[in-house]
Amino acid sequence: LENPAMTPGARFGRVKLQGIKFTLDGSPQARTAFFTRDYALGSPDGQH
């Protein structure tokens, strides 16, 4: 954000700075995604 060369949509040859990535939860197959319901198998180590 403080680098004047790195602005939204800036291009470096074939490279484009498209946007900023946020992560809110994990992976459903790893049982770390965030749900309003419980996993039947529990946490990754089987906790319920």
All heavy atoms as atom14 arrays in JSON, in Angstrom:
{
  "sequence": "LENPAMTPGARFGRVKLQGIKFTLDGSPQARTAFFTRDYALGSPDGQH",
  "atom14_mask": [
    [1, 1, 1, 1, 1, 1, 1, 1, 0, 0, 0, 0, 0, 0],
    [1, 1, 1, 1, 1, 1, 1, 1, 1, 0, 0, 0, 0, 0],
    [1, 1, 1, 1, 1, 1, 1, 1, 0, 0, 0, 0, 0, 0],
    [1, 1, 1, 1, 1, 1, 1, 0, 0, 0, 0, 0, 0, 0],
    [1, 1, 1, 1, 1, 0, 0, 0, 0, 0, 0, 0, 0, 0],
    [1, 1, 1, 1, 1, 1, 1, 1, 0, 0, 0, 0, 0, 0],
    [1, 1, 1, 1, 1, 1, 1, 0, 0, 0, 0, 0, 0, 0],
    [1, 1, 1, 1, 1, 1, 1, 0, 0, 0, 0, 0, 0, 0],
    [1, 1, 1, 1, 0, 0, 0, 0, 0, 0, 0, 0, 0, 0],
    [1, 1, 1, 1, 1, 0, 0, 0, 0, 0, 0, 0, 0, 0],
    [1, 1, 1, 1, 1, 1, 1, 1, 1, 1, 1, 0, 0, 0],
    [1, 1, 1, 1, 1, 1, 1, 1, 1, 1, 1, 0, 0, 0],
    [1, 1, 1, 1, 0, 0, 0, 0, 0, 0, 0, 0, 0, 0],
    [1, 1, 1, 1, 1, 1, 1, 1, 1, 1, 1, 0, 0, 0],
    [1, 1, 1, 1, 1, 1, 1, 0, 0, 0, 0, 0, 0, 0],
    [1, 1, 1, 1, 1, 1, 1, 1, 1, 0, 0, 0, 0, 0],
    [1, 1, 1, 1, 1, 1, 1, 1, 0, 0, 0, 0, 0, 0],
    [1, 1, 1, 1, 1, 1, 1, 1, 1, 0, 0, 0, 0, 0],
    [1, 1, 1, 1, 0, 0, 0, 0, 0, 0, 0, 0, 0, 0],
    [1, 1, 1, 1, 1, 1, 1, 1, 0, 0, 0, 0, 0, 0],
    [1, 1, 1, 1, 1, 1, 1, 1, 1, 0, 0, 0, 0, 0],
    [1, 1, 1, 1, 1, 1, 1, 1, 1, 1, 1, 0, 0, 0],
    [1, 1, 1, 1, 1, 1, 1, 0, 0, 0, 0, 0, 0, 0],
    [1, 1, 1, 1, 1, 1, 1, 1, 0, 0, 0, 0, 0, 0],
    [1, 1, 1, 1, 1, 1, 1, 1, 0, 0, 0, 0, 0, 0],
    [1, 1, 1, 1, 0, 0, 0, 0, 0, 0, 0, 0, 0, 0],
    [1, 1, 1, 1, 1, 1, 0, 0, 0, 0, 0, 0, 0, 0],
    [1, 1, 1, 1, 1, 1, 1, 0, 0, 0, 0, 0, 0, 0],
    [1, 1, 1, 1, 1, 1, 1, 1, 1, 0, 0, 0, 0, 0],
    [1, 1, 1, 1, 1, 0, 0, 0, 0, 0, 0, 0, 0, 0],
    [1, 1, 1, 1, 1, 1, 1, 1, 1, 1, 1, 0, 0, 0],
    [1, 1, 1, 1, 1, 1, 1, 0, 0, 0, 0, 0, 0, 0],
    [1, 1, 1, 1, 1, 0, 0, 0, 0, 0, 0, 0, 0, 0],
    [1, 1, 1, 1, 1, 1, 1, 1, 1, 1, 1, 0, 0, 0],
    [1, 1, 1, 1, 1, 1, 1, 1, 1, 1, 1, 0, 0, 0],
    [1, 1, 1, 1, 1, 1, 1, 0, 0, 0, 0, 0, 0, 0],
    [1, 1, 1, 1, 1, 1, 1, 1, 1, 1, 1, 0, 0, 0],
    [1, 1, 1, 1, 1, 1, 1, 1, 0, 0, 0, 0, 0, 0],
    [1, 1, 1, 1, 1, 1, 1, 1, 1, 1, 1, 1, 0, 0],
    [1, 1, 1, 1, 1, 0, 0, 0, 0, 0, 0, 0, 0, 0],
    [1, 1, 1, 1, 1, 1, 1, 1, 0, 0, 0, 0, 0, 0],
    [1, 1, 1, 1, 0, 0, 0, 0, 0, 0, 0, 0, 0, 0],
    [1, 1, 1, 1, 1, 1, 0, 0, 0, 0, 0, 0, 0, 0],
    [1, 1, 1, 1, 1, 1, 1, 0, 0, 0, 0, 0, 0, 0],
    [1, 1, 1, 1, 1, 1, 1, 1, 0, 0, 0, 0, 0, 0],
    [1, 1, 1, 1, 0, 0, 0, 0, 0, 0, 0, 0, 0, 0],
    [1, 1, 1, 1, 1, 1, 1, 1, 1, 0, 0, 0, 0, 0],
    [1, 1, 1, 1, 1, 1, 1, 1, 1, 1, 0, 0, 0, 0]
  ],
  "atom14_positions": [
    [[0.82, -1.21, 0.0], [0.0, 0.0, 0.0], [0.85, 1.26, 0.0], [0.42, 2.31, -0.51], [-0.93, 0.0, 1.21], [-1.93, -1.16, 1.31], [-2.78, -1.03, 2.56], [-2.81, -1.25, 0.07], [0.0, 0.0, 0.0], [0.0, 0.0, 0.0], [0.0, 0.0, 0.0], [0.0, 0.0, 0.0], [0.0, 0.0, 0.0], [0.0, 0.0, 0.0]],
    [[2.06, 1.18, 0.55], [2.92, 2.36, 0.63], [3.86, 2.5, -0.56], [4.59, 3.49, -0.67], [3.74, 2.3, 1.93], [2.88, 2.41, 3.18], [3.64, 2.02, 4.44], [4.86, 1.77, 4.34], [3.01, 1.96, 5.52], [0.0, 0.0, 0.0], [0.0, 0.0, 0.0], [0.0, 0.0, 0.0], [0.0, 0.0, 0.0], [0.0, 0.0, 0.0]],
    [[3.85, 1.51, -1.47], [4.75, 1.54, -2.63], [4.04, 2.27, -3.78], [3.04, 1.78, -4.31], [5.1, 0.12, -3.05], [6.16, 0.08, -4.13], [6.33, 1.02, -4.9], [6.89, -1.03, -4.2], [0.0, 0.0, 0.0], [0.0, 0.0, 0.0], [0.0, 0.0, 0.0], [0.0, 0.0, 0.0], [0.0, 0.0, 0.0], [0.0, 0.0, 0.0]],
    [[4.53, 3.42, -4.21], [3.84, 4.18, -5.27], [3.77, 3.45, -6.6], [2.92, 3.78, -7.44], [4.67, 5.46, -5.38], [6.0, 5.12, -4.79], [5.73, 4.1, -3.73], [0.0, 0.0, 0.0], [0.0, 0.0, 0.0], [0.0, 0.0, 0.0], [0.0, 0.0, 0.0], [0.0, 0.0, 0.0], [0.0, 0.0, 0.0], [0.0, 0.0, 0.0]],
    [[4.63, 2.44, -6.8], [4.59, 1.69, -8.06], [3.51, 0.62, -8.04], [3.12, 0.12, -9.1], [5.95, 1.04, -8.32], [0.0, 0.0, 0.0], [0.0, 0.0, 0.0], [0.0, 0.0, 0.0], [0.0, 0.0, 0.0], [0.0, 0.0, 0.0], [0.0, 0.0, 0.0], [0.0, 0.0, 0.0], [0.0, 0.0, 0.0], [0.0, 0.0, 0.0]],
    [[3.04, 0.27, -6.84], [2.07, -0.82, -6.72], [0.7, -0.24, -6.42], [0.26, -0.15, -5.27], [2.52, -1.82, -5.65], [3.77, -2.55, -6.05], [4.2, -3.93, -5.0], [5.6, -4.6, -5.91], [0.0, 0.0, 0.0], [0.0, 0.0, 0.0], [0.0, 0.0, 0.0], [0.0, 0.0, 0.0], [0.0, 0.0, 0.0], [0.0, 0.0, 0.0]],
    [[0.03, 0.17, -7.47], [-1.3, 0.75, -7.38], [-2.31, -0.23, -7.97], [-1.95, -1.14, -8.72], [-1.35, 2.08, -8.14], [-0.92, 1.85, -9.5], [-0.44, 3.11, -7.49], [0.0, 0.0, 0.0], [0.0, 0.0, 0.0], [0.0, 0.0, 0.0], [0.0, 0.0, 0.0], [0.0, 0.0, 0.0], [0.0, 0.0, 0.0], [0.0, 0.0, 0.0]],
    [[-3.59, -0.08, -7.63], [-4.6, -1.0, -8.18], [-4.56, -1.05, -9.7], [-4.61, -0.01, -10.38], [-5.92, -0.4, -7.68], [-5.55, 0.34, -6.44], [-4.19, 0.9, -6.7], [0.0, 0.0, 0.0], [0.0, 0.0, 0.0], [0.0, 0.0, 0.0], [0.0, 0.0, 0.0], [0.0, 0.0, 0.0], [0.0, 0.0, 0.0], [0.0, 0.0, 0.0]],
    [[-4.42, -2.24, -10.24], [-4.4, -2.42, -11.69], [-3.05, -2.16, -12.34], [-2.95, -2.24, -13.57], [0.0, 0.0, 0.0], [0.0, 0.0, 0.0], [0.0, 0.0, 0.0], [0.0, 0.0, 0.0], [0.0, 0.0, 0.0], [0.0, 0.0, 0.0], [0.0, 0.0, 0.0], [0.0, 0.0, 0.0], [0.0, 0.0, 0.0], [0.0, 0.0, 0.0]],
    [[-2.02, -1.86, -11.55], [-0.7, -1.59, -12.13], [-0.21, -2.81, -12.91], [-0.42, -3.95, -12.51], [0.3, -1.24, -11.03], [0.0, 0.0, 0.0], [0.0, 0.0, 0.0], [0.0, 0.0, 0.0], [0.0, 0.0, 0.0], [0.0, 0.0, 0.0], [0.0, 0.0, 0.0], [0.0, 0.0, 0.0], [0.0, 0.0, 0.0], [0.0, 0.0, 0.0]],
    [[0.46, -2.55, -14.03], [0.95, -3.62, -14.88], [2.47, -3.58, -14.95], [3.08, -2.51, -15.05], [0.35, -3.53, -16.29], [-1.16, -3.74, -16.3], [-1.74, -3.69, -17.72], [-3.2, -3.71, -17.71], [-3.94, -4.8, -17.78], [-3.36, -5.98, -17.89], [-5.26, -4.73, -17.76], [0.0, 0.0, 0.0], [0.0, 0.0, 0.0], [0.0, 0.0, 0.0]],
    [[3.05, -4.77, -14.88], [4.49, -4.96, -15.0], [4.69, -5.95, -16.13], [4.74, -7.16, -15.92], [5.08, -5.49, -13.7], [4.88, -4.59, -12.51], [3.67, -4.6, -11.82], [5.88, -3.73, -12.1], [3.47, -3.78, -10.73], [5.68, -2.89, -11.01], [4.48, -2.91, -10.32], [0.0, 0.0, 0.0], [0.0, 0.0, 0.0], [0.0, 0.0, 0.0]],
    [[4.79, -5.46, -17.36], [4.81, -6.36, -18.5], [3.49, -7.1, -18.58], [2.42, -6.5, -18.65], [0.0, 0.0, 0.0], [0.0, 0.0, 0.0], [0.0, 0.0, 0.0], [0.0, 0.0, 0.0], [0.0, 0.0, 0.0], [0.0, 0.0, 0.0], [0.0, 0.0, 0.0], [0.0, 0.0, 0.0], [0.0, 0.0, 0.0], [0.0, 0.0, 0.0]],
    [[3.55, -8.43, -18.54], [2.33, -9.25, -18.59], [1.7, -9.46, -17.21], [0.69, -10.16, -17.1], [2.63, -10.6, -19.23], [3.0, -10.5, -20.71], [2.84, -11.84, -21.4], [3.11, -11.75, -22.81], [2.24, -11.31, -23.73], [1.05, -10.91, -23.34], [2.57, -11.27, -25.0], [0.0, 0.0, 0.0], [0.0, 0.0, 0.0], [0.0, 0.0, 0.0]],
    [[2.27, -8.87, -16.19], [1.77, -9.04, -14.82], [0.87, -7.87, -14.46], [1.2, -6.71, -14.71], [2.94, -9.13, -13.83], [2.44, -9.19, -12.4], [3.8, -10.35, -14.14], [0.0, 0.0, 0.0], [0.0, 0.0, 0.0], [0.0, 0.0, 0.0], [0.0, 0.0, 0.0], [0.0, 0.0, 0.0], [0.0, 0.0, 0.0], [0.0, 0.0, 0.0]],
    [[-0.27, -8.18, -13.84], [-1.2, -7.15, -13.38], [-1.47, -7.33, -11.89], [-1.72, -8.44, -11.43], [-2.52, -7.25, -14.16], [-3.56, -6.21, -13.75], [-4.89, -6.44, -14.46], [-5.94, -5.42, -14.04], [-7.28, -5.73, -14.62], [0.0, 0.0, 0.0], [0.0, 0.0, 0.0], [0.0, 0.0, 0.0], [0.0, 0.0, 0.0], [0.0, 0.0, 0.0]],
    [[-1.4, -6.25, -11.14], [-1.82, -6.27, -9.74], [-3.34, -6.13, -9.73], [-3.87, -5.04, -9.97], [-1.18, -5.13, -8.95], [0.35, -5.17, -8.82], [0.81, -4.07, -7.88], [0.83, -6.51, -8.33], [0.0, 0.0, 0.0], [0.0, 0.0, 0.0], [0.0, 0.0, 0.0], [0.0, 0.0, 0.0], [0.0, 0.0, 0.0], [0.0, 0.0, 0.0]],
    [[-4.03, -7.24, -9.47], [-5.47, -7.26, -9.66], [-6.24, -6.81, -8.43], [-7.22, -6.07, -8.54], [-5.93, -8.67, -10.04], [-7.39, -8.77, -10.38], [-7.75, -7.91, -11.58], [-7.13, -7.99, -12.63], [-8.75, -7.05, -11.41], [0.0, 0.0, 0.0], [0.0, 0.0, 0.0], [0.0, 0.0, 0.0], [0.0, 0.0, 0.0], [0.0, 0.0, 0.0]],
    [[-5.86, -7.29, -7.25], [-6.61, -6.96, -6.05], [-5.92, -7.5, -4.83], [-4.82, -8.05, -4.91], [0.0, 0.0, 0.0], [0.0, 0.0, 0.0], [0.0, 0.0, 0.0], [0.0, 0.0, 0.0], [0.0, 0.0, 0.0], [0.0, 0.0, 0.0], [0.0, 0.0, 0.0], [0.0, 0.0, 0.0], [0.0, 0.0, 0.0], [0.0, 0.0, 0.0]],
    [[-6.55, -7.35, -3.68], [-5.99, -7.82, -2.42], [-6.78, -9.02, -1.93], [-8.01, -9.01, -1.93], [-6.01, -6.71, -1.36], [-5.3, -5.46, -1.88], [-5.38, -7.2, -0.06], [-3.84, -5.64, -2.2], [0.0, 0.0, 0.0], [0.0, 0.0, 0.0], [0.0, 0.0, 0.0], [0.0, 0.0, 0.0], [0.0, 0.0, 0.0], [0.0, 0.0, 0.0]],
    [[-6.07, -10.06, -1.48], [-6.68, -11.32, -1.07], [-6.78, -11.41, 0.45], [-5.8, -11.22, 1.17], [-5.84, -12.48, -1.62], [-6.09, -13.84, -0.99], [-7.4, -14.45, -1.43], [-7.54, -15.86, -0.88], [-6.55, -16.8, -1.42], [0.0, 0.0, 0.0], [0.0, 0.0, 0.0], [0.0, 0.0, 0.0], [0.0, 0.0, 0.0], [0.0, 0.0, 0.0]],
    [[-8.0, -11.75, 0.93], [-8.25, -12.0, 2.34], [-8.67, -13.46, 2.51], [-9.29, -14.04, 1.6], [-9.38, -11.11, 2.86], [-9.05, -9.64, 2.88], [-9.17, -8.88, 1.72], [-8.64, -9.03, 4.04], [-8.86, -7.53, 1.72], [-8.33, -7.67, 4.06], [-8.44, -6.92, 2.9], [0.0, 0.0, 0.0], [0.0, 0.0, 0.0], [0.0, 0.0, 0.0]],
    [[-8.36, -14.03, 3.65], [-8.81, -15.38, 3.98], [-9.61, -15.34, 5.26], [-9.13, -14.81, 6.28], [-7.61, -16.34, 4.14], [-6.94, -16.46, 2.87], [-8.08, -17.72, 4.57], [0.0, 0.0, 0.0], [0.0, 0.0, 0.0], [0.0, 0.0, 0.0], [0.0, 0.0, 0.0], [0.0, 0.0, 0.0], [0.0, 0.0, 0.0], [0.0, 0.0, 0.0]],
    [[-10.84, -15.88, 5.22], [-11.71, -15.87, 6.39], [-11.81, -17.21, 7.08], [-12.09, -17.27, 8.28], [-13.12, -15.39, 6.0], [-13.2, -13.97, 5.42], [-14.65, -13.58, 5.18], [-12.5, -12.96, 6.32], [0.0, 0.0, 0.0], [0.0, 0.0, 0.0], [0.0, 0.0, 0.0], [0.0, 0.0, 0.0], [0.0, 0.0, 0.0], [0.0, 0.0, 0.0]],
    [[-11.65, -18.3, 6.34], [-11.73, -19.62, 6.97], [-10.81, -20.58, 6.24], [-9.98, -20.16, 5.41], [-13.18, -20.13, 7.03], [-13.75, -20.55, 5.68], [-13.18, -20.16, 4.63], [-14.76, -21.27, 5.66], [0.0, 0.0, 0.0], [0.0, 0.0, 0.0], [0.0, 0.0, 0.0], [0.0, 0.0, 0.0], [0.0, 0.0, 0.0], [0.0, 0.0, 0.0]],
    [[-10.97, -21.87, 6.55], [-10.08, -22.86, 5.98], [-10.72, -23.68, 4.89], [-11.41, -23.16, 4.01], [0.0, 0.0, 0.0], [0.0, 0.0, 0.0], [0.0, 0.0, 0.0], [0.0, 0.0, 0.0], [0.0, 0.0, 0.0], [0.0, 0.0, 0.0], [0.0, 0.0, 0.0], [0.0, 0.0, 0.0], [0.0, 0.0, 0.0], [0.0, 0.0, 0.0]],
    [[-10.5, -25.0, 4.98], [-10.87, -25.93, 3.92], [-11.93, -26.9, 4.42], [-11.75, -27.51, 5.48], [-9.62, -26.68, 3.48], [-9.92, -27.92, 2.9], [0.0, 0.0, 0.0], [0.0, 0.0, 0.0], [0.0, 0.0, 0.0], [0.0, 0.0, 0.0], [0.0, 0.0, 0.0], [0.0, 0.0, 0.0], [0.0, 0.0, 0.0], [0.0, 0.0, 0.0]],
    [[-13.01, -27.13, 3.66], [-14.02, -28.09, 4.12], [-13.52, -29.52, 4.13], [-13.89, -30.31, 5.01], [-15.17, -27.9, 3.13], [-14.56, -27.28, 1.92], [-13.42, -26.46, 2.42], [0.0, 0.0, 0.0], [0.0, 0.0, 0.0], [0.0, 0.0, 0.0], [0.0, 0.0, 0.0], [0.0, 0.0, 0.0], [0.0, 0.0, 0.0], [0.0, 0.0, 0.0]],
    [[-12.66, -29.9, 3.17], [-12.15, -31.27, 3.17], [-11.15, -31.49, 4.3], [-10.94, -32.63, 4.74], [-11.55, -31.65, 1.81], [-10.31, -30.88, 1.39], [-10.64, -29.64, 0.58], [-11.66, -28.99, 0.8], [-9.79, -29.32, -0.38], [0.0, 0.0, 0.0], [0.0, 0.0, 0.0], [0.0, 0.0, 0.0], [0.0, 0.0, 0.0], [0.0, 0.0, 0.0]],
    [[-10.54, -30.41, 4.79], [-9.64, -30.52, 5.93], [-10.38, -30.3, 7.25], [-9.79, -30.4, 8.31], [-8.51, -29.5, 5.81], [0.0, 0.0, 0.0], [0.0, 0.0, 0.0], [0.0, 0.0, 0.0], [0.0, 0.0, 0.0], [0.0, 0.0, 0.0], [0.0, 0.0, 0.0], [0.0, 0.0, 0.0], [0.0, 0.0, 0.0], [0.0, 0.0, 0.0]],
    [[-11.66, -29.98, 7.17], [-12.53, -29.73, 8.32], [-12.08, -28.51, 9.12], [-12.15, -28.48, 10.36], [-12.66, -30.96, 9.22], [-13.09, -32.21, 8.47], [-13.78, -33.23, 9.35], [-12.97, -33.79, 10.39], [-12.11, -34.8, 10.23], [-11.95, -35.33, 9.01], [-11.44, -35.28, 11.25], [0.0, 0.0, 0.0], [0.0, 0.0, 0.0], [0.0, 0.0, 0.0]],
    [[-11.62, -27.49, 8.39], [-11.28, -26.22, 9.04], [-12.1, -25.06, 8.48], [-11.93, -23.92, 8.94], [-9.78, -25.89, 8.87], [-9.45, -25.85, 7.48], [-8.91, -26.92, 9.57], [0.0, 0.0, 0.0], [0.0, 0.0, 0.0], [0.0, 0.0, 0.0], [0.0, 0.0, 0.0], [0.0, 0.0, 0.0], [0.0, 0.0, 0.0], [0.0, 0.0, 0.0]],
    [[-12.99, -25.3, 7.51], [-13.89, -24.26, 7.03], [-14.9, -23.94, 8.13], [-15.23, -24.78, 8.97], [-14.6, -24.71, 5.76], [0.0, 0.0, 0.0], [0.0, 0.0, 0.0], [0.0, 0.0, 0.0], [0.0, 0.0, 0.0], [0.0, 0.0, 0.0], [0.0, 0.0, 0.0], [0.0, 0.0, 0.0], [0.0, 0.0, 0.0], [0.0, 0.0, 0.0]],
    [[-15.42, -22.72, 8.12], [-16.27, -22.19, 9.2], [-17.74, -22.3, 8.81], [-18.18, -21.69, 7.84], [-15.87, -20.74, 9.45], [-16.58, -20.06, 10.58], [-16.94, -20.75, 11.73], [-16.84, -18.7, 10.5], [-17.58, -20.1, 12.78], [-17.48, -18.04, 11.55], [-17.84, -18.74, 12.69], [0.0, 0.0, 0.0], [0.0, 0.0, 0.0], [0.0, 0.0, 0.0]],
    [[-18.48, -23.1, 9.57], [-19.89, -23.38, 9.27], [-20.8, -22.93, 10.42], [-20.35, -22.72, 11.55], [-20.09, -24.88, 9.06], [-19.61, -25.4, 7.73], [-18.28, -25.77, 7.56], [-20.48, -25.51, 6.66], [-17.84, -26.25, 6.34], [-20.04, -25.99, 5.43], [-18.72, -26.36, 5.26], [0.0, 0.0, 0.0], [0.0, 0.0, 0.0], [0.0, 0.0, 0.0]],
    [[-22.09, -22.85, 10.11], [-23.1, -22.64, 11.14], [-23.61, -23.97, 11.68], [-24.44, -23.99, 12.59], [-24.29, -21.83, 10.59], [-24.84, -22.52, 9.45], [-23.86, -20.44, 10.17], [0.0, 0.0, 0.0], [0.0, 0.0, 0.0], [0.0, 0.0, 0.0], [0.0, 0.0, 0.0], [0.0, 0.0, 0.0], [0.0, 0.0, 0.0], [0.0, 0.0, 0.0]],
    [[-23.16, -25.07, 11.15], [-23.53, -26.41, 11.6], [-22.26, -27.19, 11.92], [-21.17, -26.84, 11.48], [-24.36, -27.15, 10.56], [-23.63, -27.44, 9.26], [-24.48, -28.29, 8.31], [-25.61, -27.53, 7.82], [-26.87, -27.94, 7.91], [-27.14, -29.11, 8.48], [-27.85, -27.22, 7.43], [0.0, 0.0, 0.0], [0.0, 0.0, 0.0], [0.0, 0.0, 0.0]],
    [[-22.4, -28.27, 12.68], [-21.24, -29.06, 13.09], [-20.83, -30.07, 12.03], [-21.66, -30.58, 11.28], [-21.55, -29.81, 14.39], [-21.6, -28.89, 15.6], [-20.99, -27.8, 15.52], [-22.26, -29.24, 16.59], [0.0, 0.0, 0.0], [0.0, 0.0, 0.0], [0.0, 0.0, 0.0], [0.0, 0.0, 0.0], [0.0, 0.0, 0.0], [0.0, 0.0, 0.0]],
    [[-19.54, -30.37, 12.01], [-19.01, -31.48, 11.22], [-19.36, -32.78, 11.94], [-19.09, -32.91, 13.15], [-17.49, -31.4, 11.1], [-16.94, -30.3, 10.24], [-16.75, -29.02, 10.76], [-16.55, -30.54, 8.93], [-16.19, -28.0, 9.99], [-16.0, -29.54, 8.14], [-15.82, -28.27, 8.68], [-15.27, -27.28, 7.91], [0.0, 0.0, 0.0], [0.0, 0.0, 0.0]],
    [[-19.89, -33.75, 11.22], [-20.2, -35.04, 11.84], [-18.94, -35.74, 12.34], [-18.98, -36.45, 13.35], [-20.93, -35.94, 10.84], [0.0, 0.0, 0.0], [0.0, 0.0, 0.0], [0.0, 0.0, 0.0], [0.0, 0.0, 0.0], [0.0, 0.0, 0.0], [0.0, 0.0, 0.0], [0.0, 0.0, 0.0], [0.0, 0.0, 0.0], [0.0, 0.0, 0.0]],
    [[-17.8, -35.53, 11.64], [-16.55, -36.17, 12.03], [-15.75, -35.35, 13.04], [-14.69, -35.78, 13.48], [-15.69, -36.43, 10.8], [-16.27, -37.39, 9.74], [-15.33, -37.52, 8.55], [-16.56, -38.76, 10.34], [0.0, 0.0, 0.0], [0.0, 0.0, 0.0], [0.0, 0.0, 0.0], [0.0, 0.0, 0.0], [0.0, 0.0, 0.0], [0.0, 0.0, 0.0]],
    [[-16.26, -34.17, 13.38], [-15.56, -33.34, 14.35], [-14.4, -32.59, 13.74], [-14.29, -32.41, 12.52], [0.0, 0.0, 0.0], [0.0, 0.0, 0.0], [0.0, 0.0, 0.0], [0.0, 0.0, 0.0], [0.0, 0.0, 0.0], [0.0, 0.0, 0.0], [0.0, 0.0, 0.0], [0.0, 0.0, 0.0], [0.0, 0.0, 0.0], [0.0, 0.0, 0.0]],
    [[-13.5, -32.14, 14.61], [-12.35, -31.34, 14.19], [-11.31, -32.23, 13.48], [-11.47, -33.45, 13.44], [-11.73, -30.69, 15.42], [-11.11, -31.67, 16.22], [0.0, 0.0, 0.0], [0.0, 0.0, 0.0], [0.0, 0.0, 0.0], [0.0, 0.0, 0.0], [0.0, 0.0, 0.0], [0.0, 0.0, 0.0], [0.0, 0.0, 0.0], [0.0, 0.0, 0.0]],
    [[-10.23, -31.64, 12.96], [-9.2, -32.46, 12.3], [-8.63, -33.56, 13.2], [-8.17, -34.58, 12.7], [-8.13, -31.43, 11.93], [-8.88, -30.17, 11.71], [-9.97, -30.19, 12.75], [0.0, 0.0, 0.0], [0.0, 0.0, 0.0], [0.0, 0.0, 0.0], [0.0, 0.0, 0.0], [0.0, 0.0, 0.0], [0.0, 0.0, 0.0], [0.0, 0.0, 0.0]],
    [[-8.69, -33.35, 14.53], [-8.22, -34.4, 15.43], [-9.37, -35.13, 16.11], [-9.16, -35.83, 17.11], [-7.27, -33.83, 16.47], [-7.93, -32.75, 17.34], [-8.85, -32.1, 16.84], [-7.52, -32.58, 18.5], [0.0, 0.0, 0.0], [0.0, 0.0, 0.0], [0.0, 0.0, 0.0], [0.0, 0.0, 0.0], [0.0, 0.0, 0.0], [0.0, 0.0, 0.0]],
    [[-10.6, -34.97, 15.55], [-11.73, -35.76, 16.02], [-12.48, -35.21, 17.23], [-13.3, -35.92, 17.82], [0.0, 0.0, 0.0], [0.0, 0.0, 0.0], [0.0, 0.0, 0.0], [0.0, 0.0, 0.0], [0.0, 0.0, 0.0], [0.0, 0.0, 0.0], [0.0, 0.0, 0.0], [0.0, 0.0, 0.0], [0.0, 0.0, 0.0], [0.0, 0.0, 0.0]],
    [[-12.25, -33.95, 17.6], [-12.94, -33.38, 18.75], [-14.36, -32.94, 18.36], [-14.6, -32.45, 17.26], [-12.16, -32.17, 19.29], [-10.76, -32.51, 19.78], [-10.77, -33.49, 20.93], [-11.49, -33.3, 21.91], [-9.97, -34.54, 20.81], [0.0, 0.0, 0.0], [0.0, 0.0, 0.0], [0.0, 0.0, 0.0], [0.0, 0.0, 0.0], [0.0, 0.0, 0.0]],
    [[-15.3, -33.11, 19.3], [-16.69, -32.73, 19.09], [-17.14, -31.83, 20.24], [-16.65, -31.96, 21.36], [-17.58, -33.97, 19.06], [-17.36, -34.87, 17.89], [-18.0, -34.73, 16.69], [-16.53, -35.95, 17.73], [-17.61, -35.67, 15.85], [-16.71, -36.42, 16.47], [0.0, 0.0, 0.0], [0.0, 0.0, 0.0], [0.0, 0.0, 0.0], [0.0, 0.0, 0.0]]
  ]
}
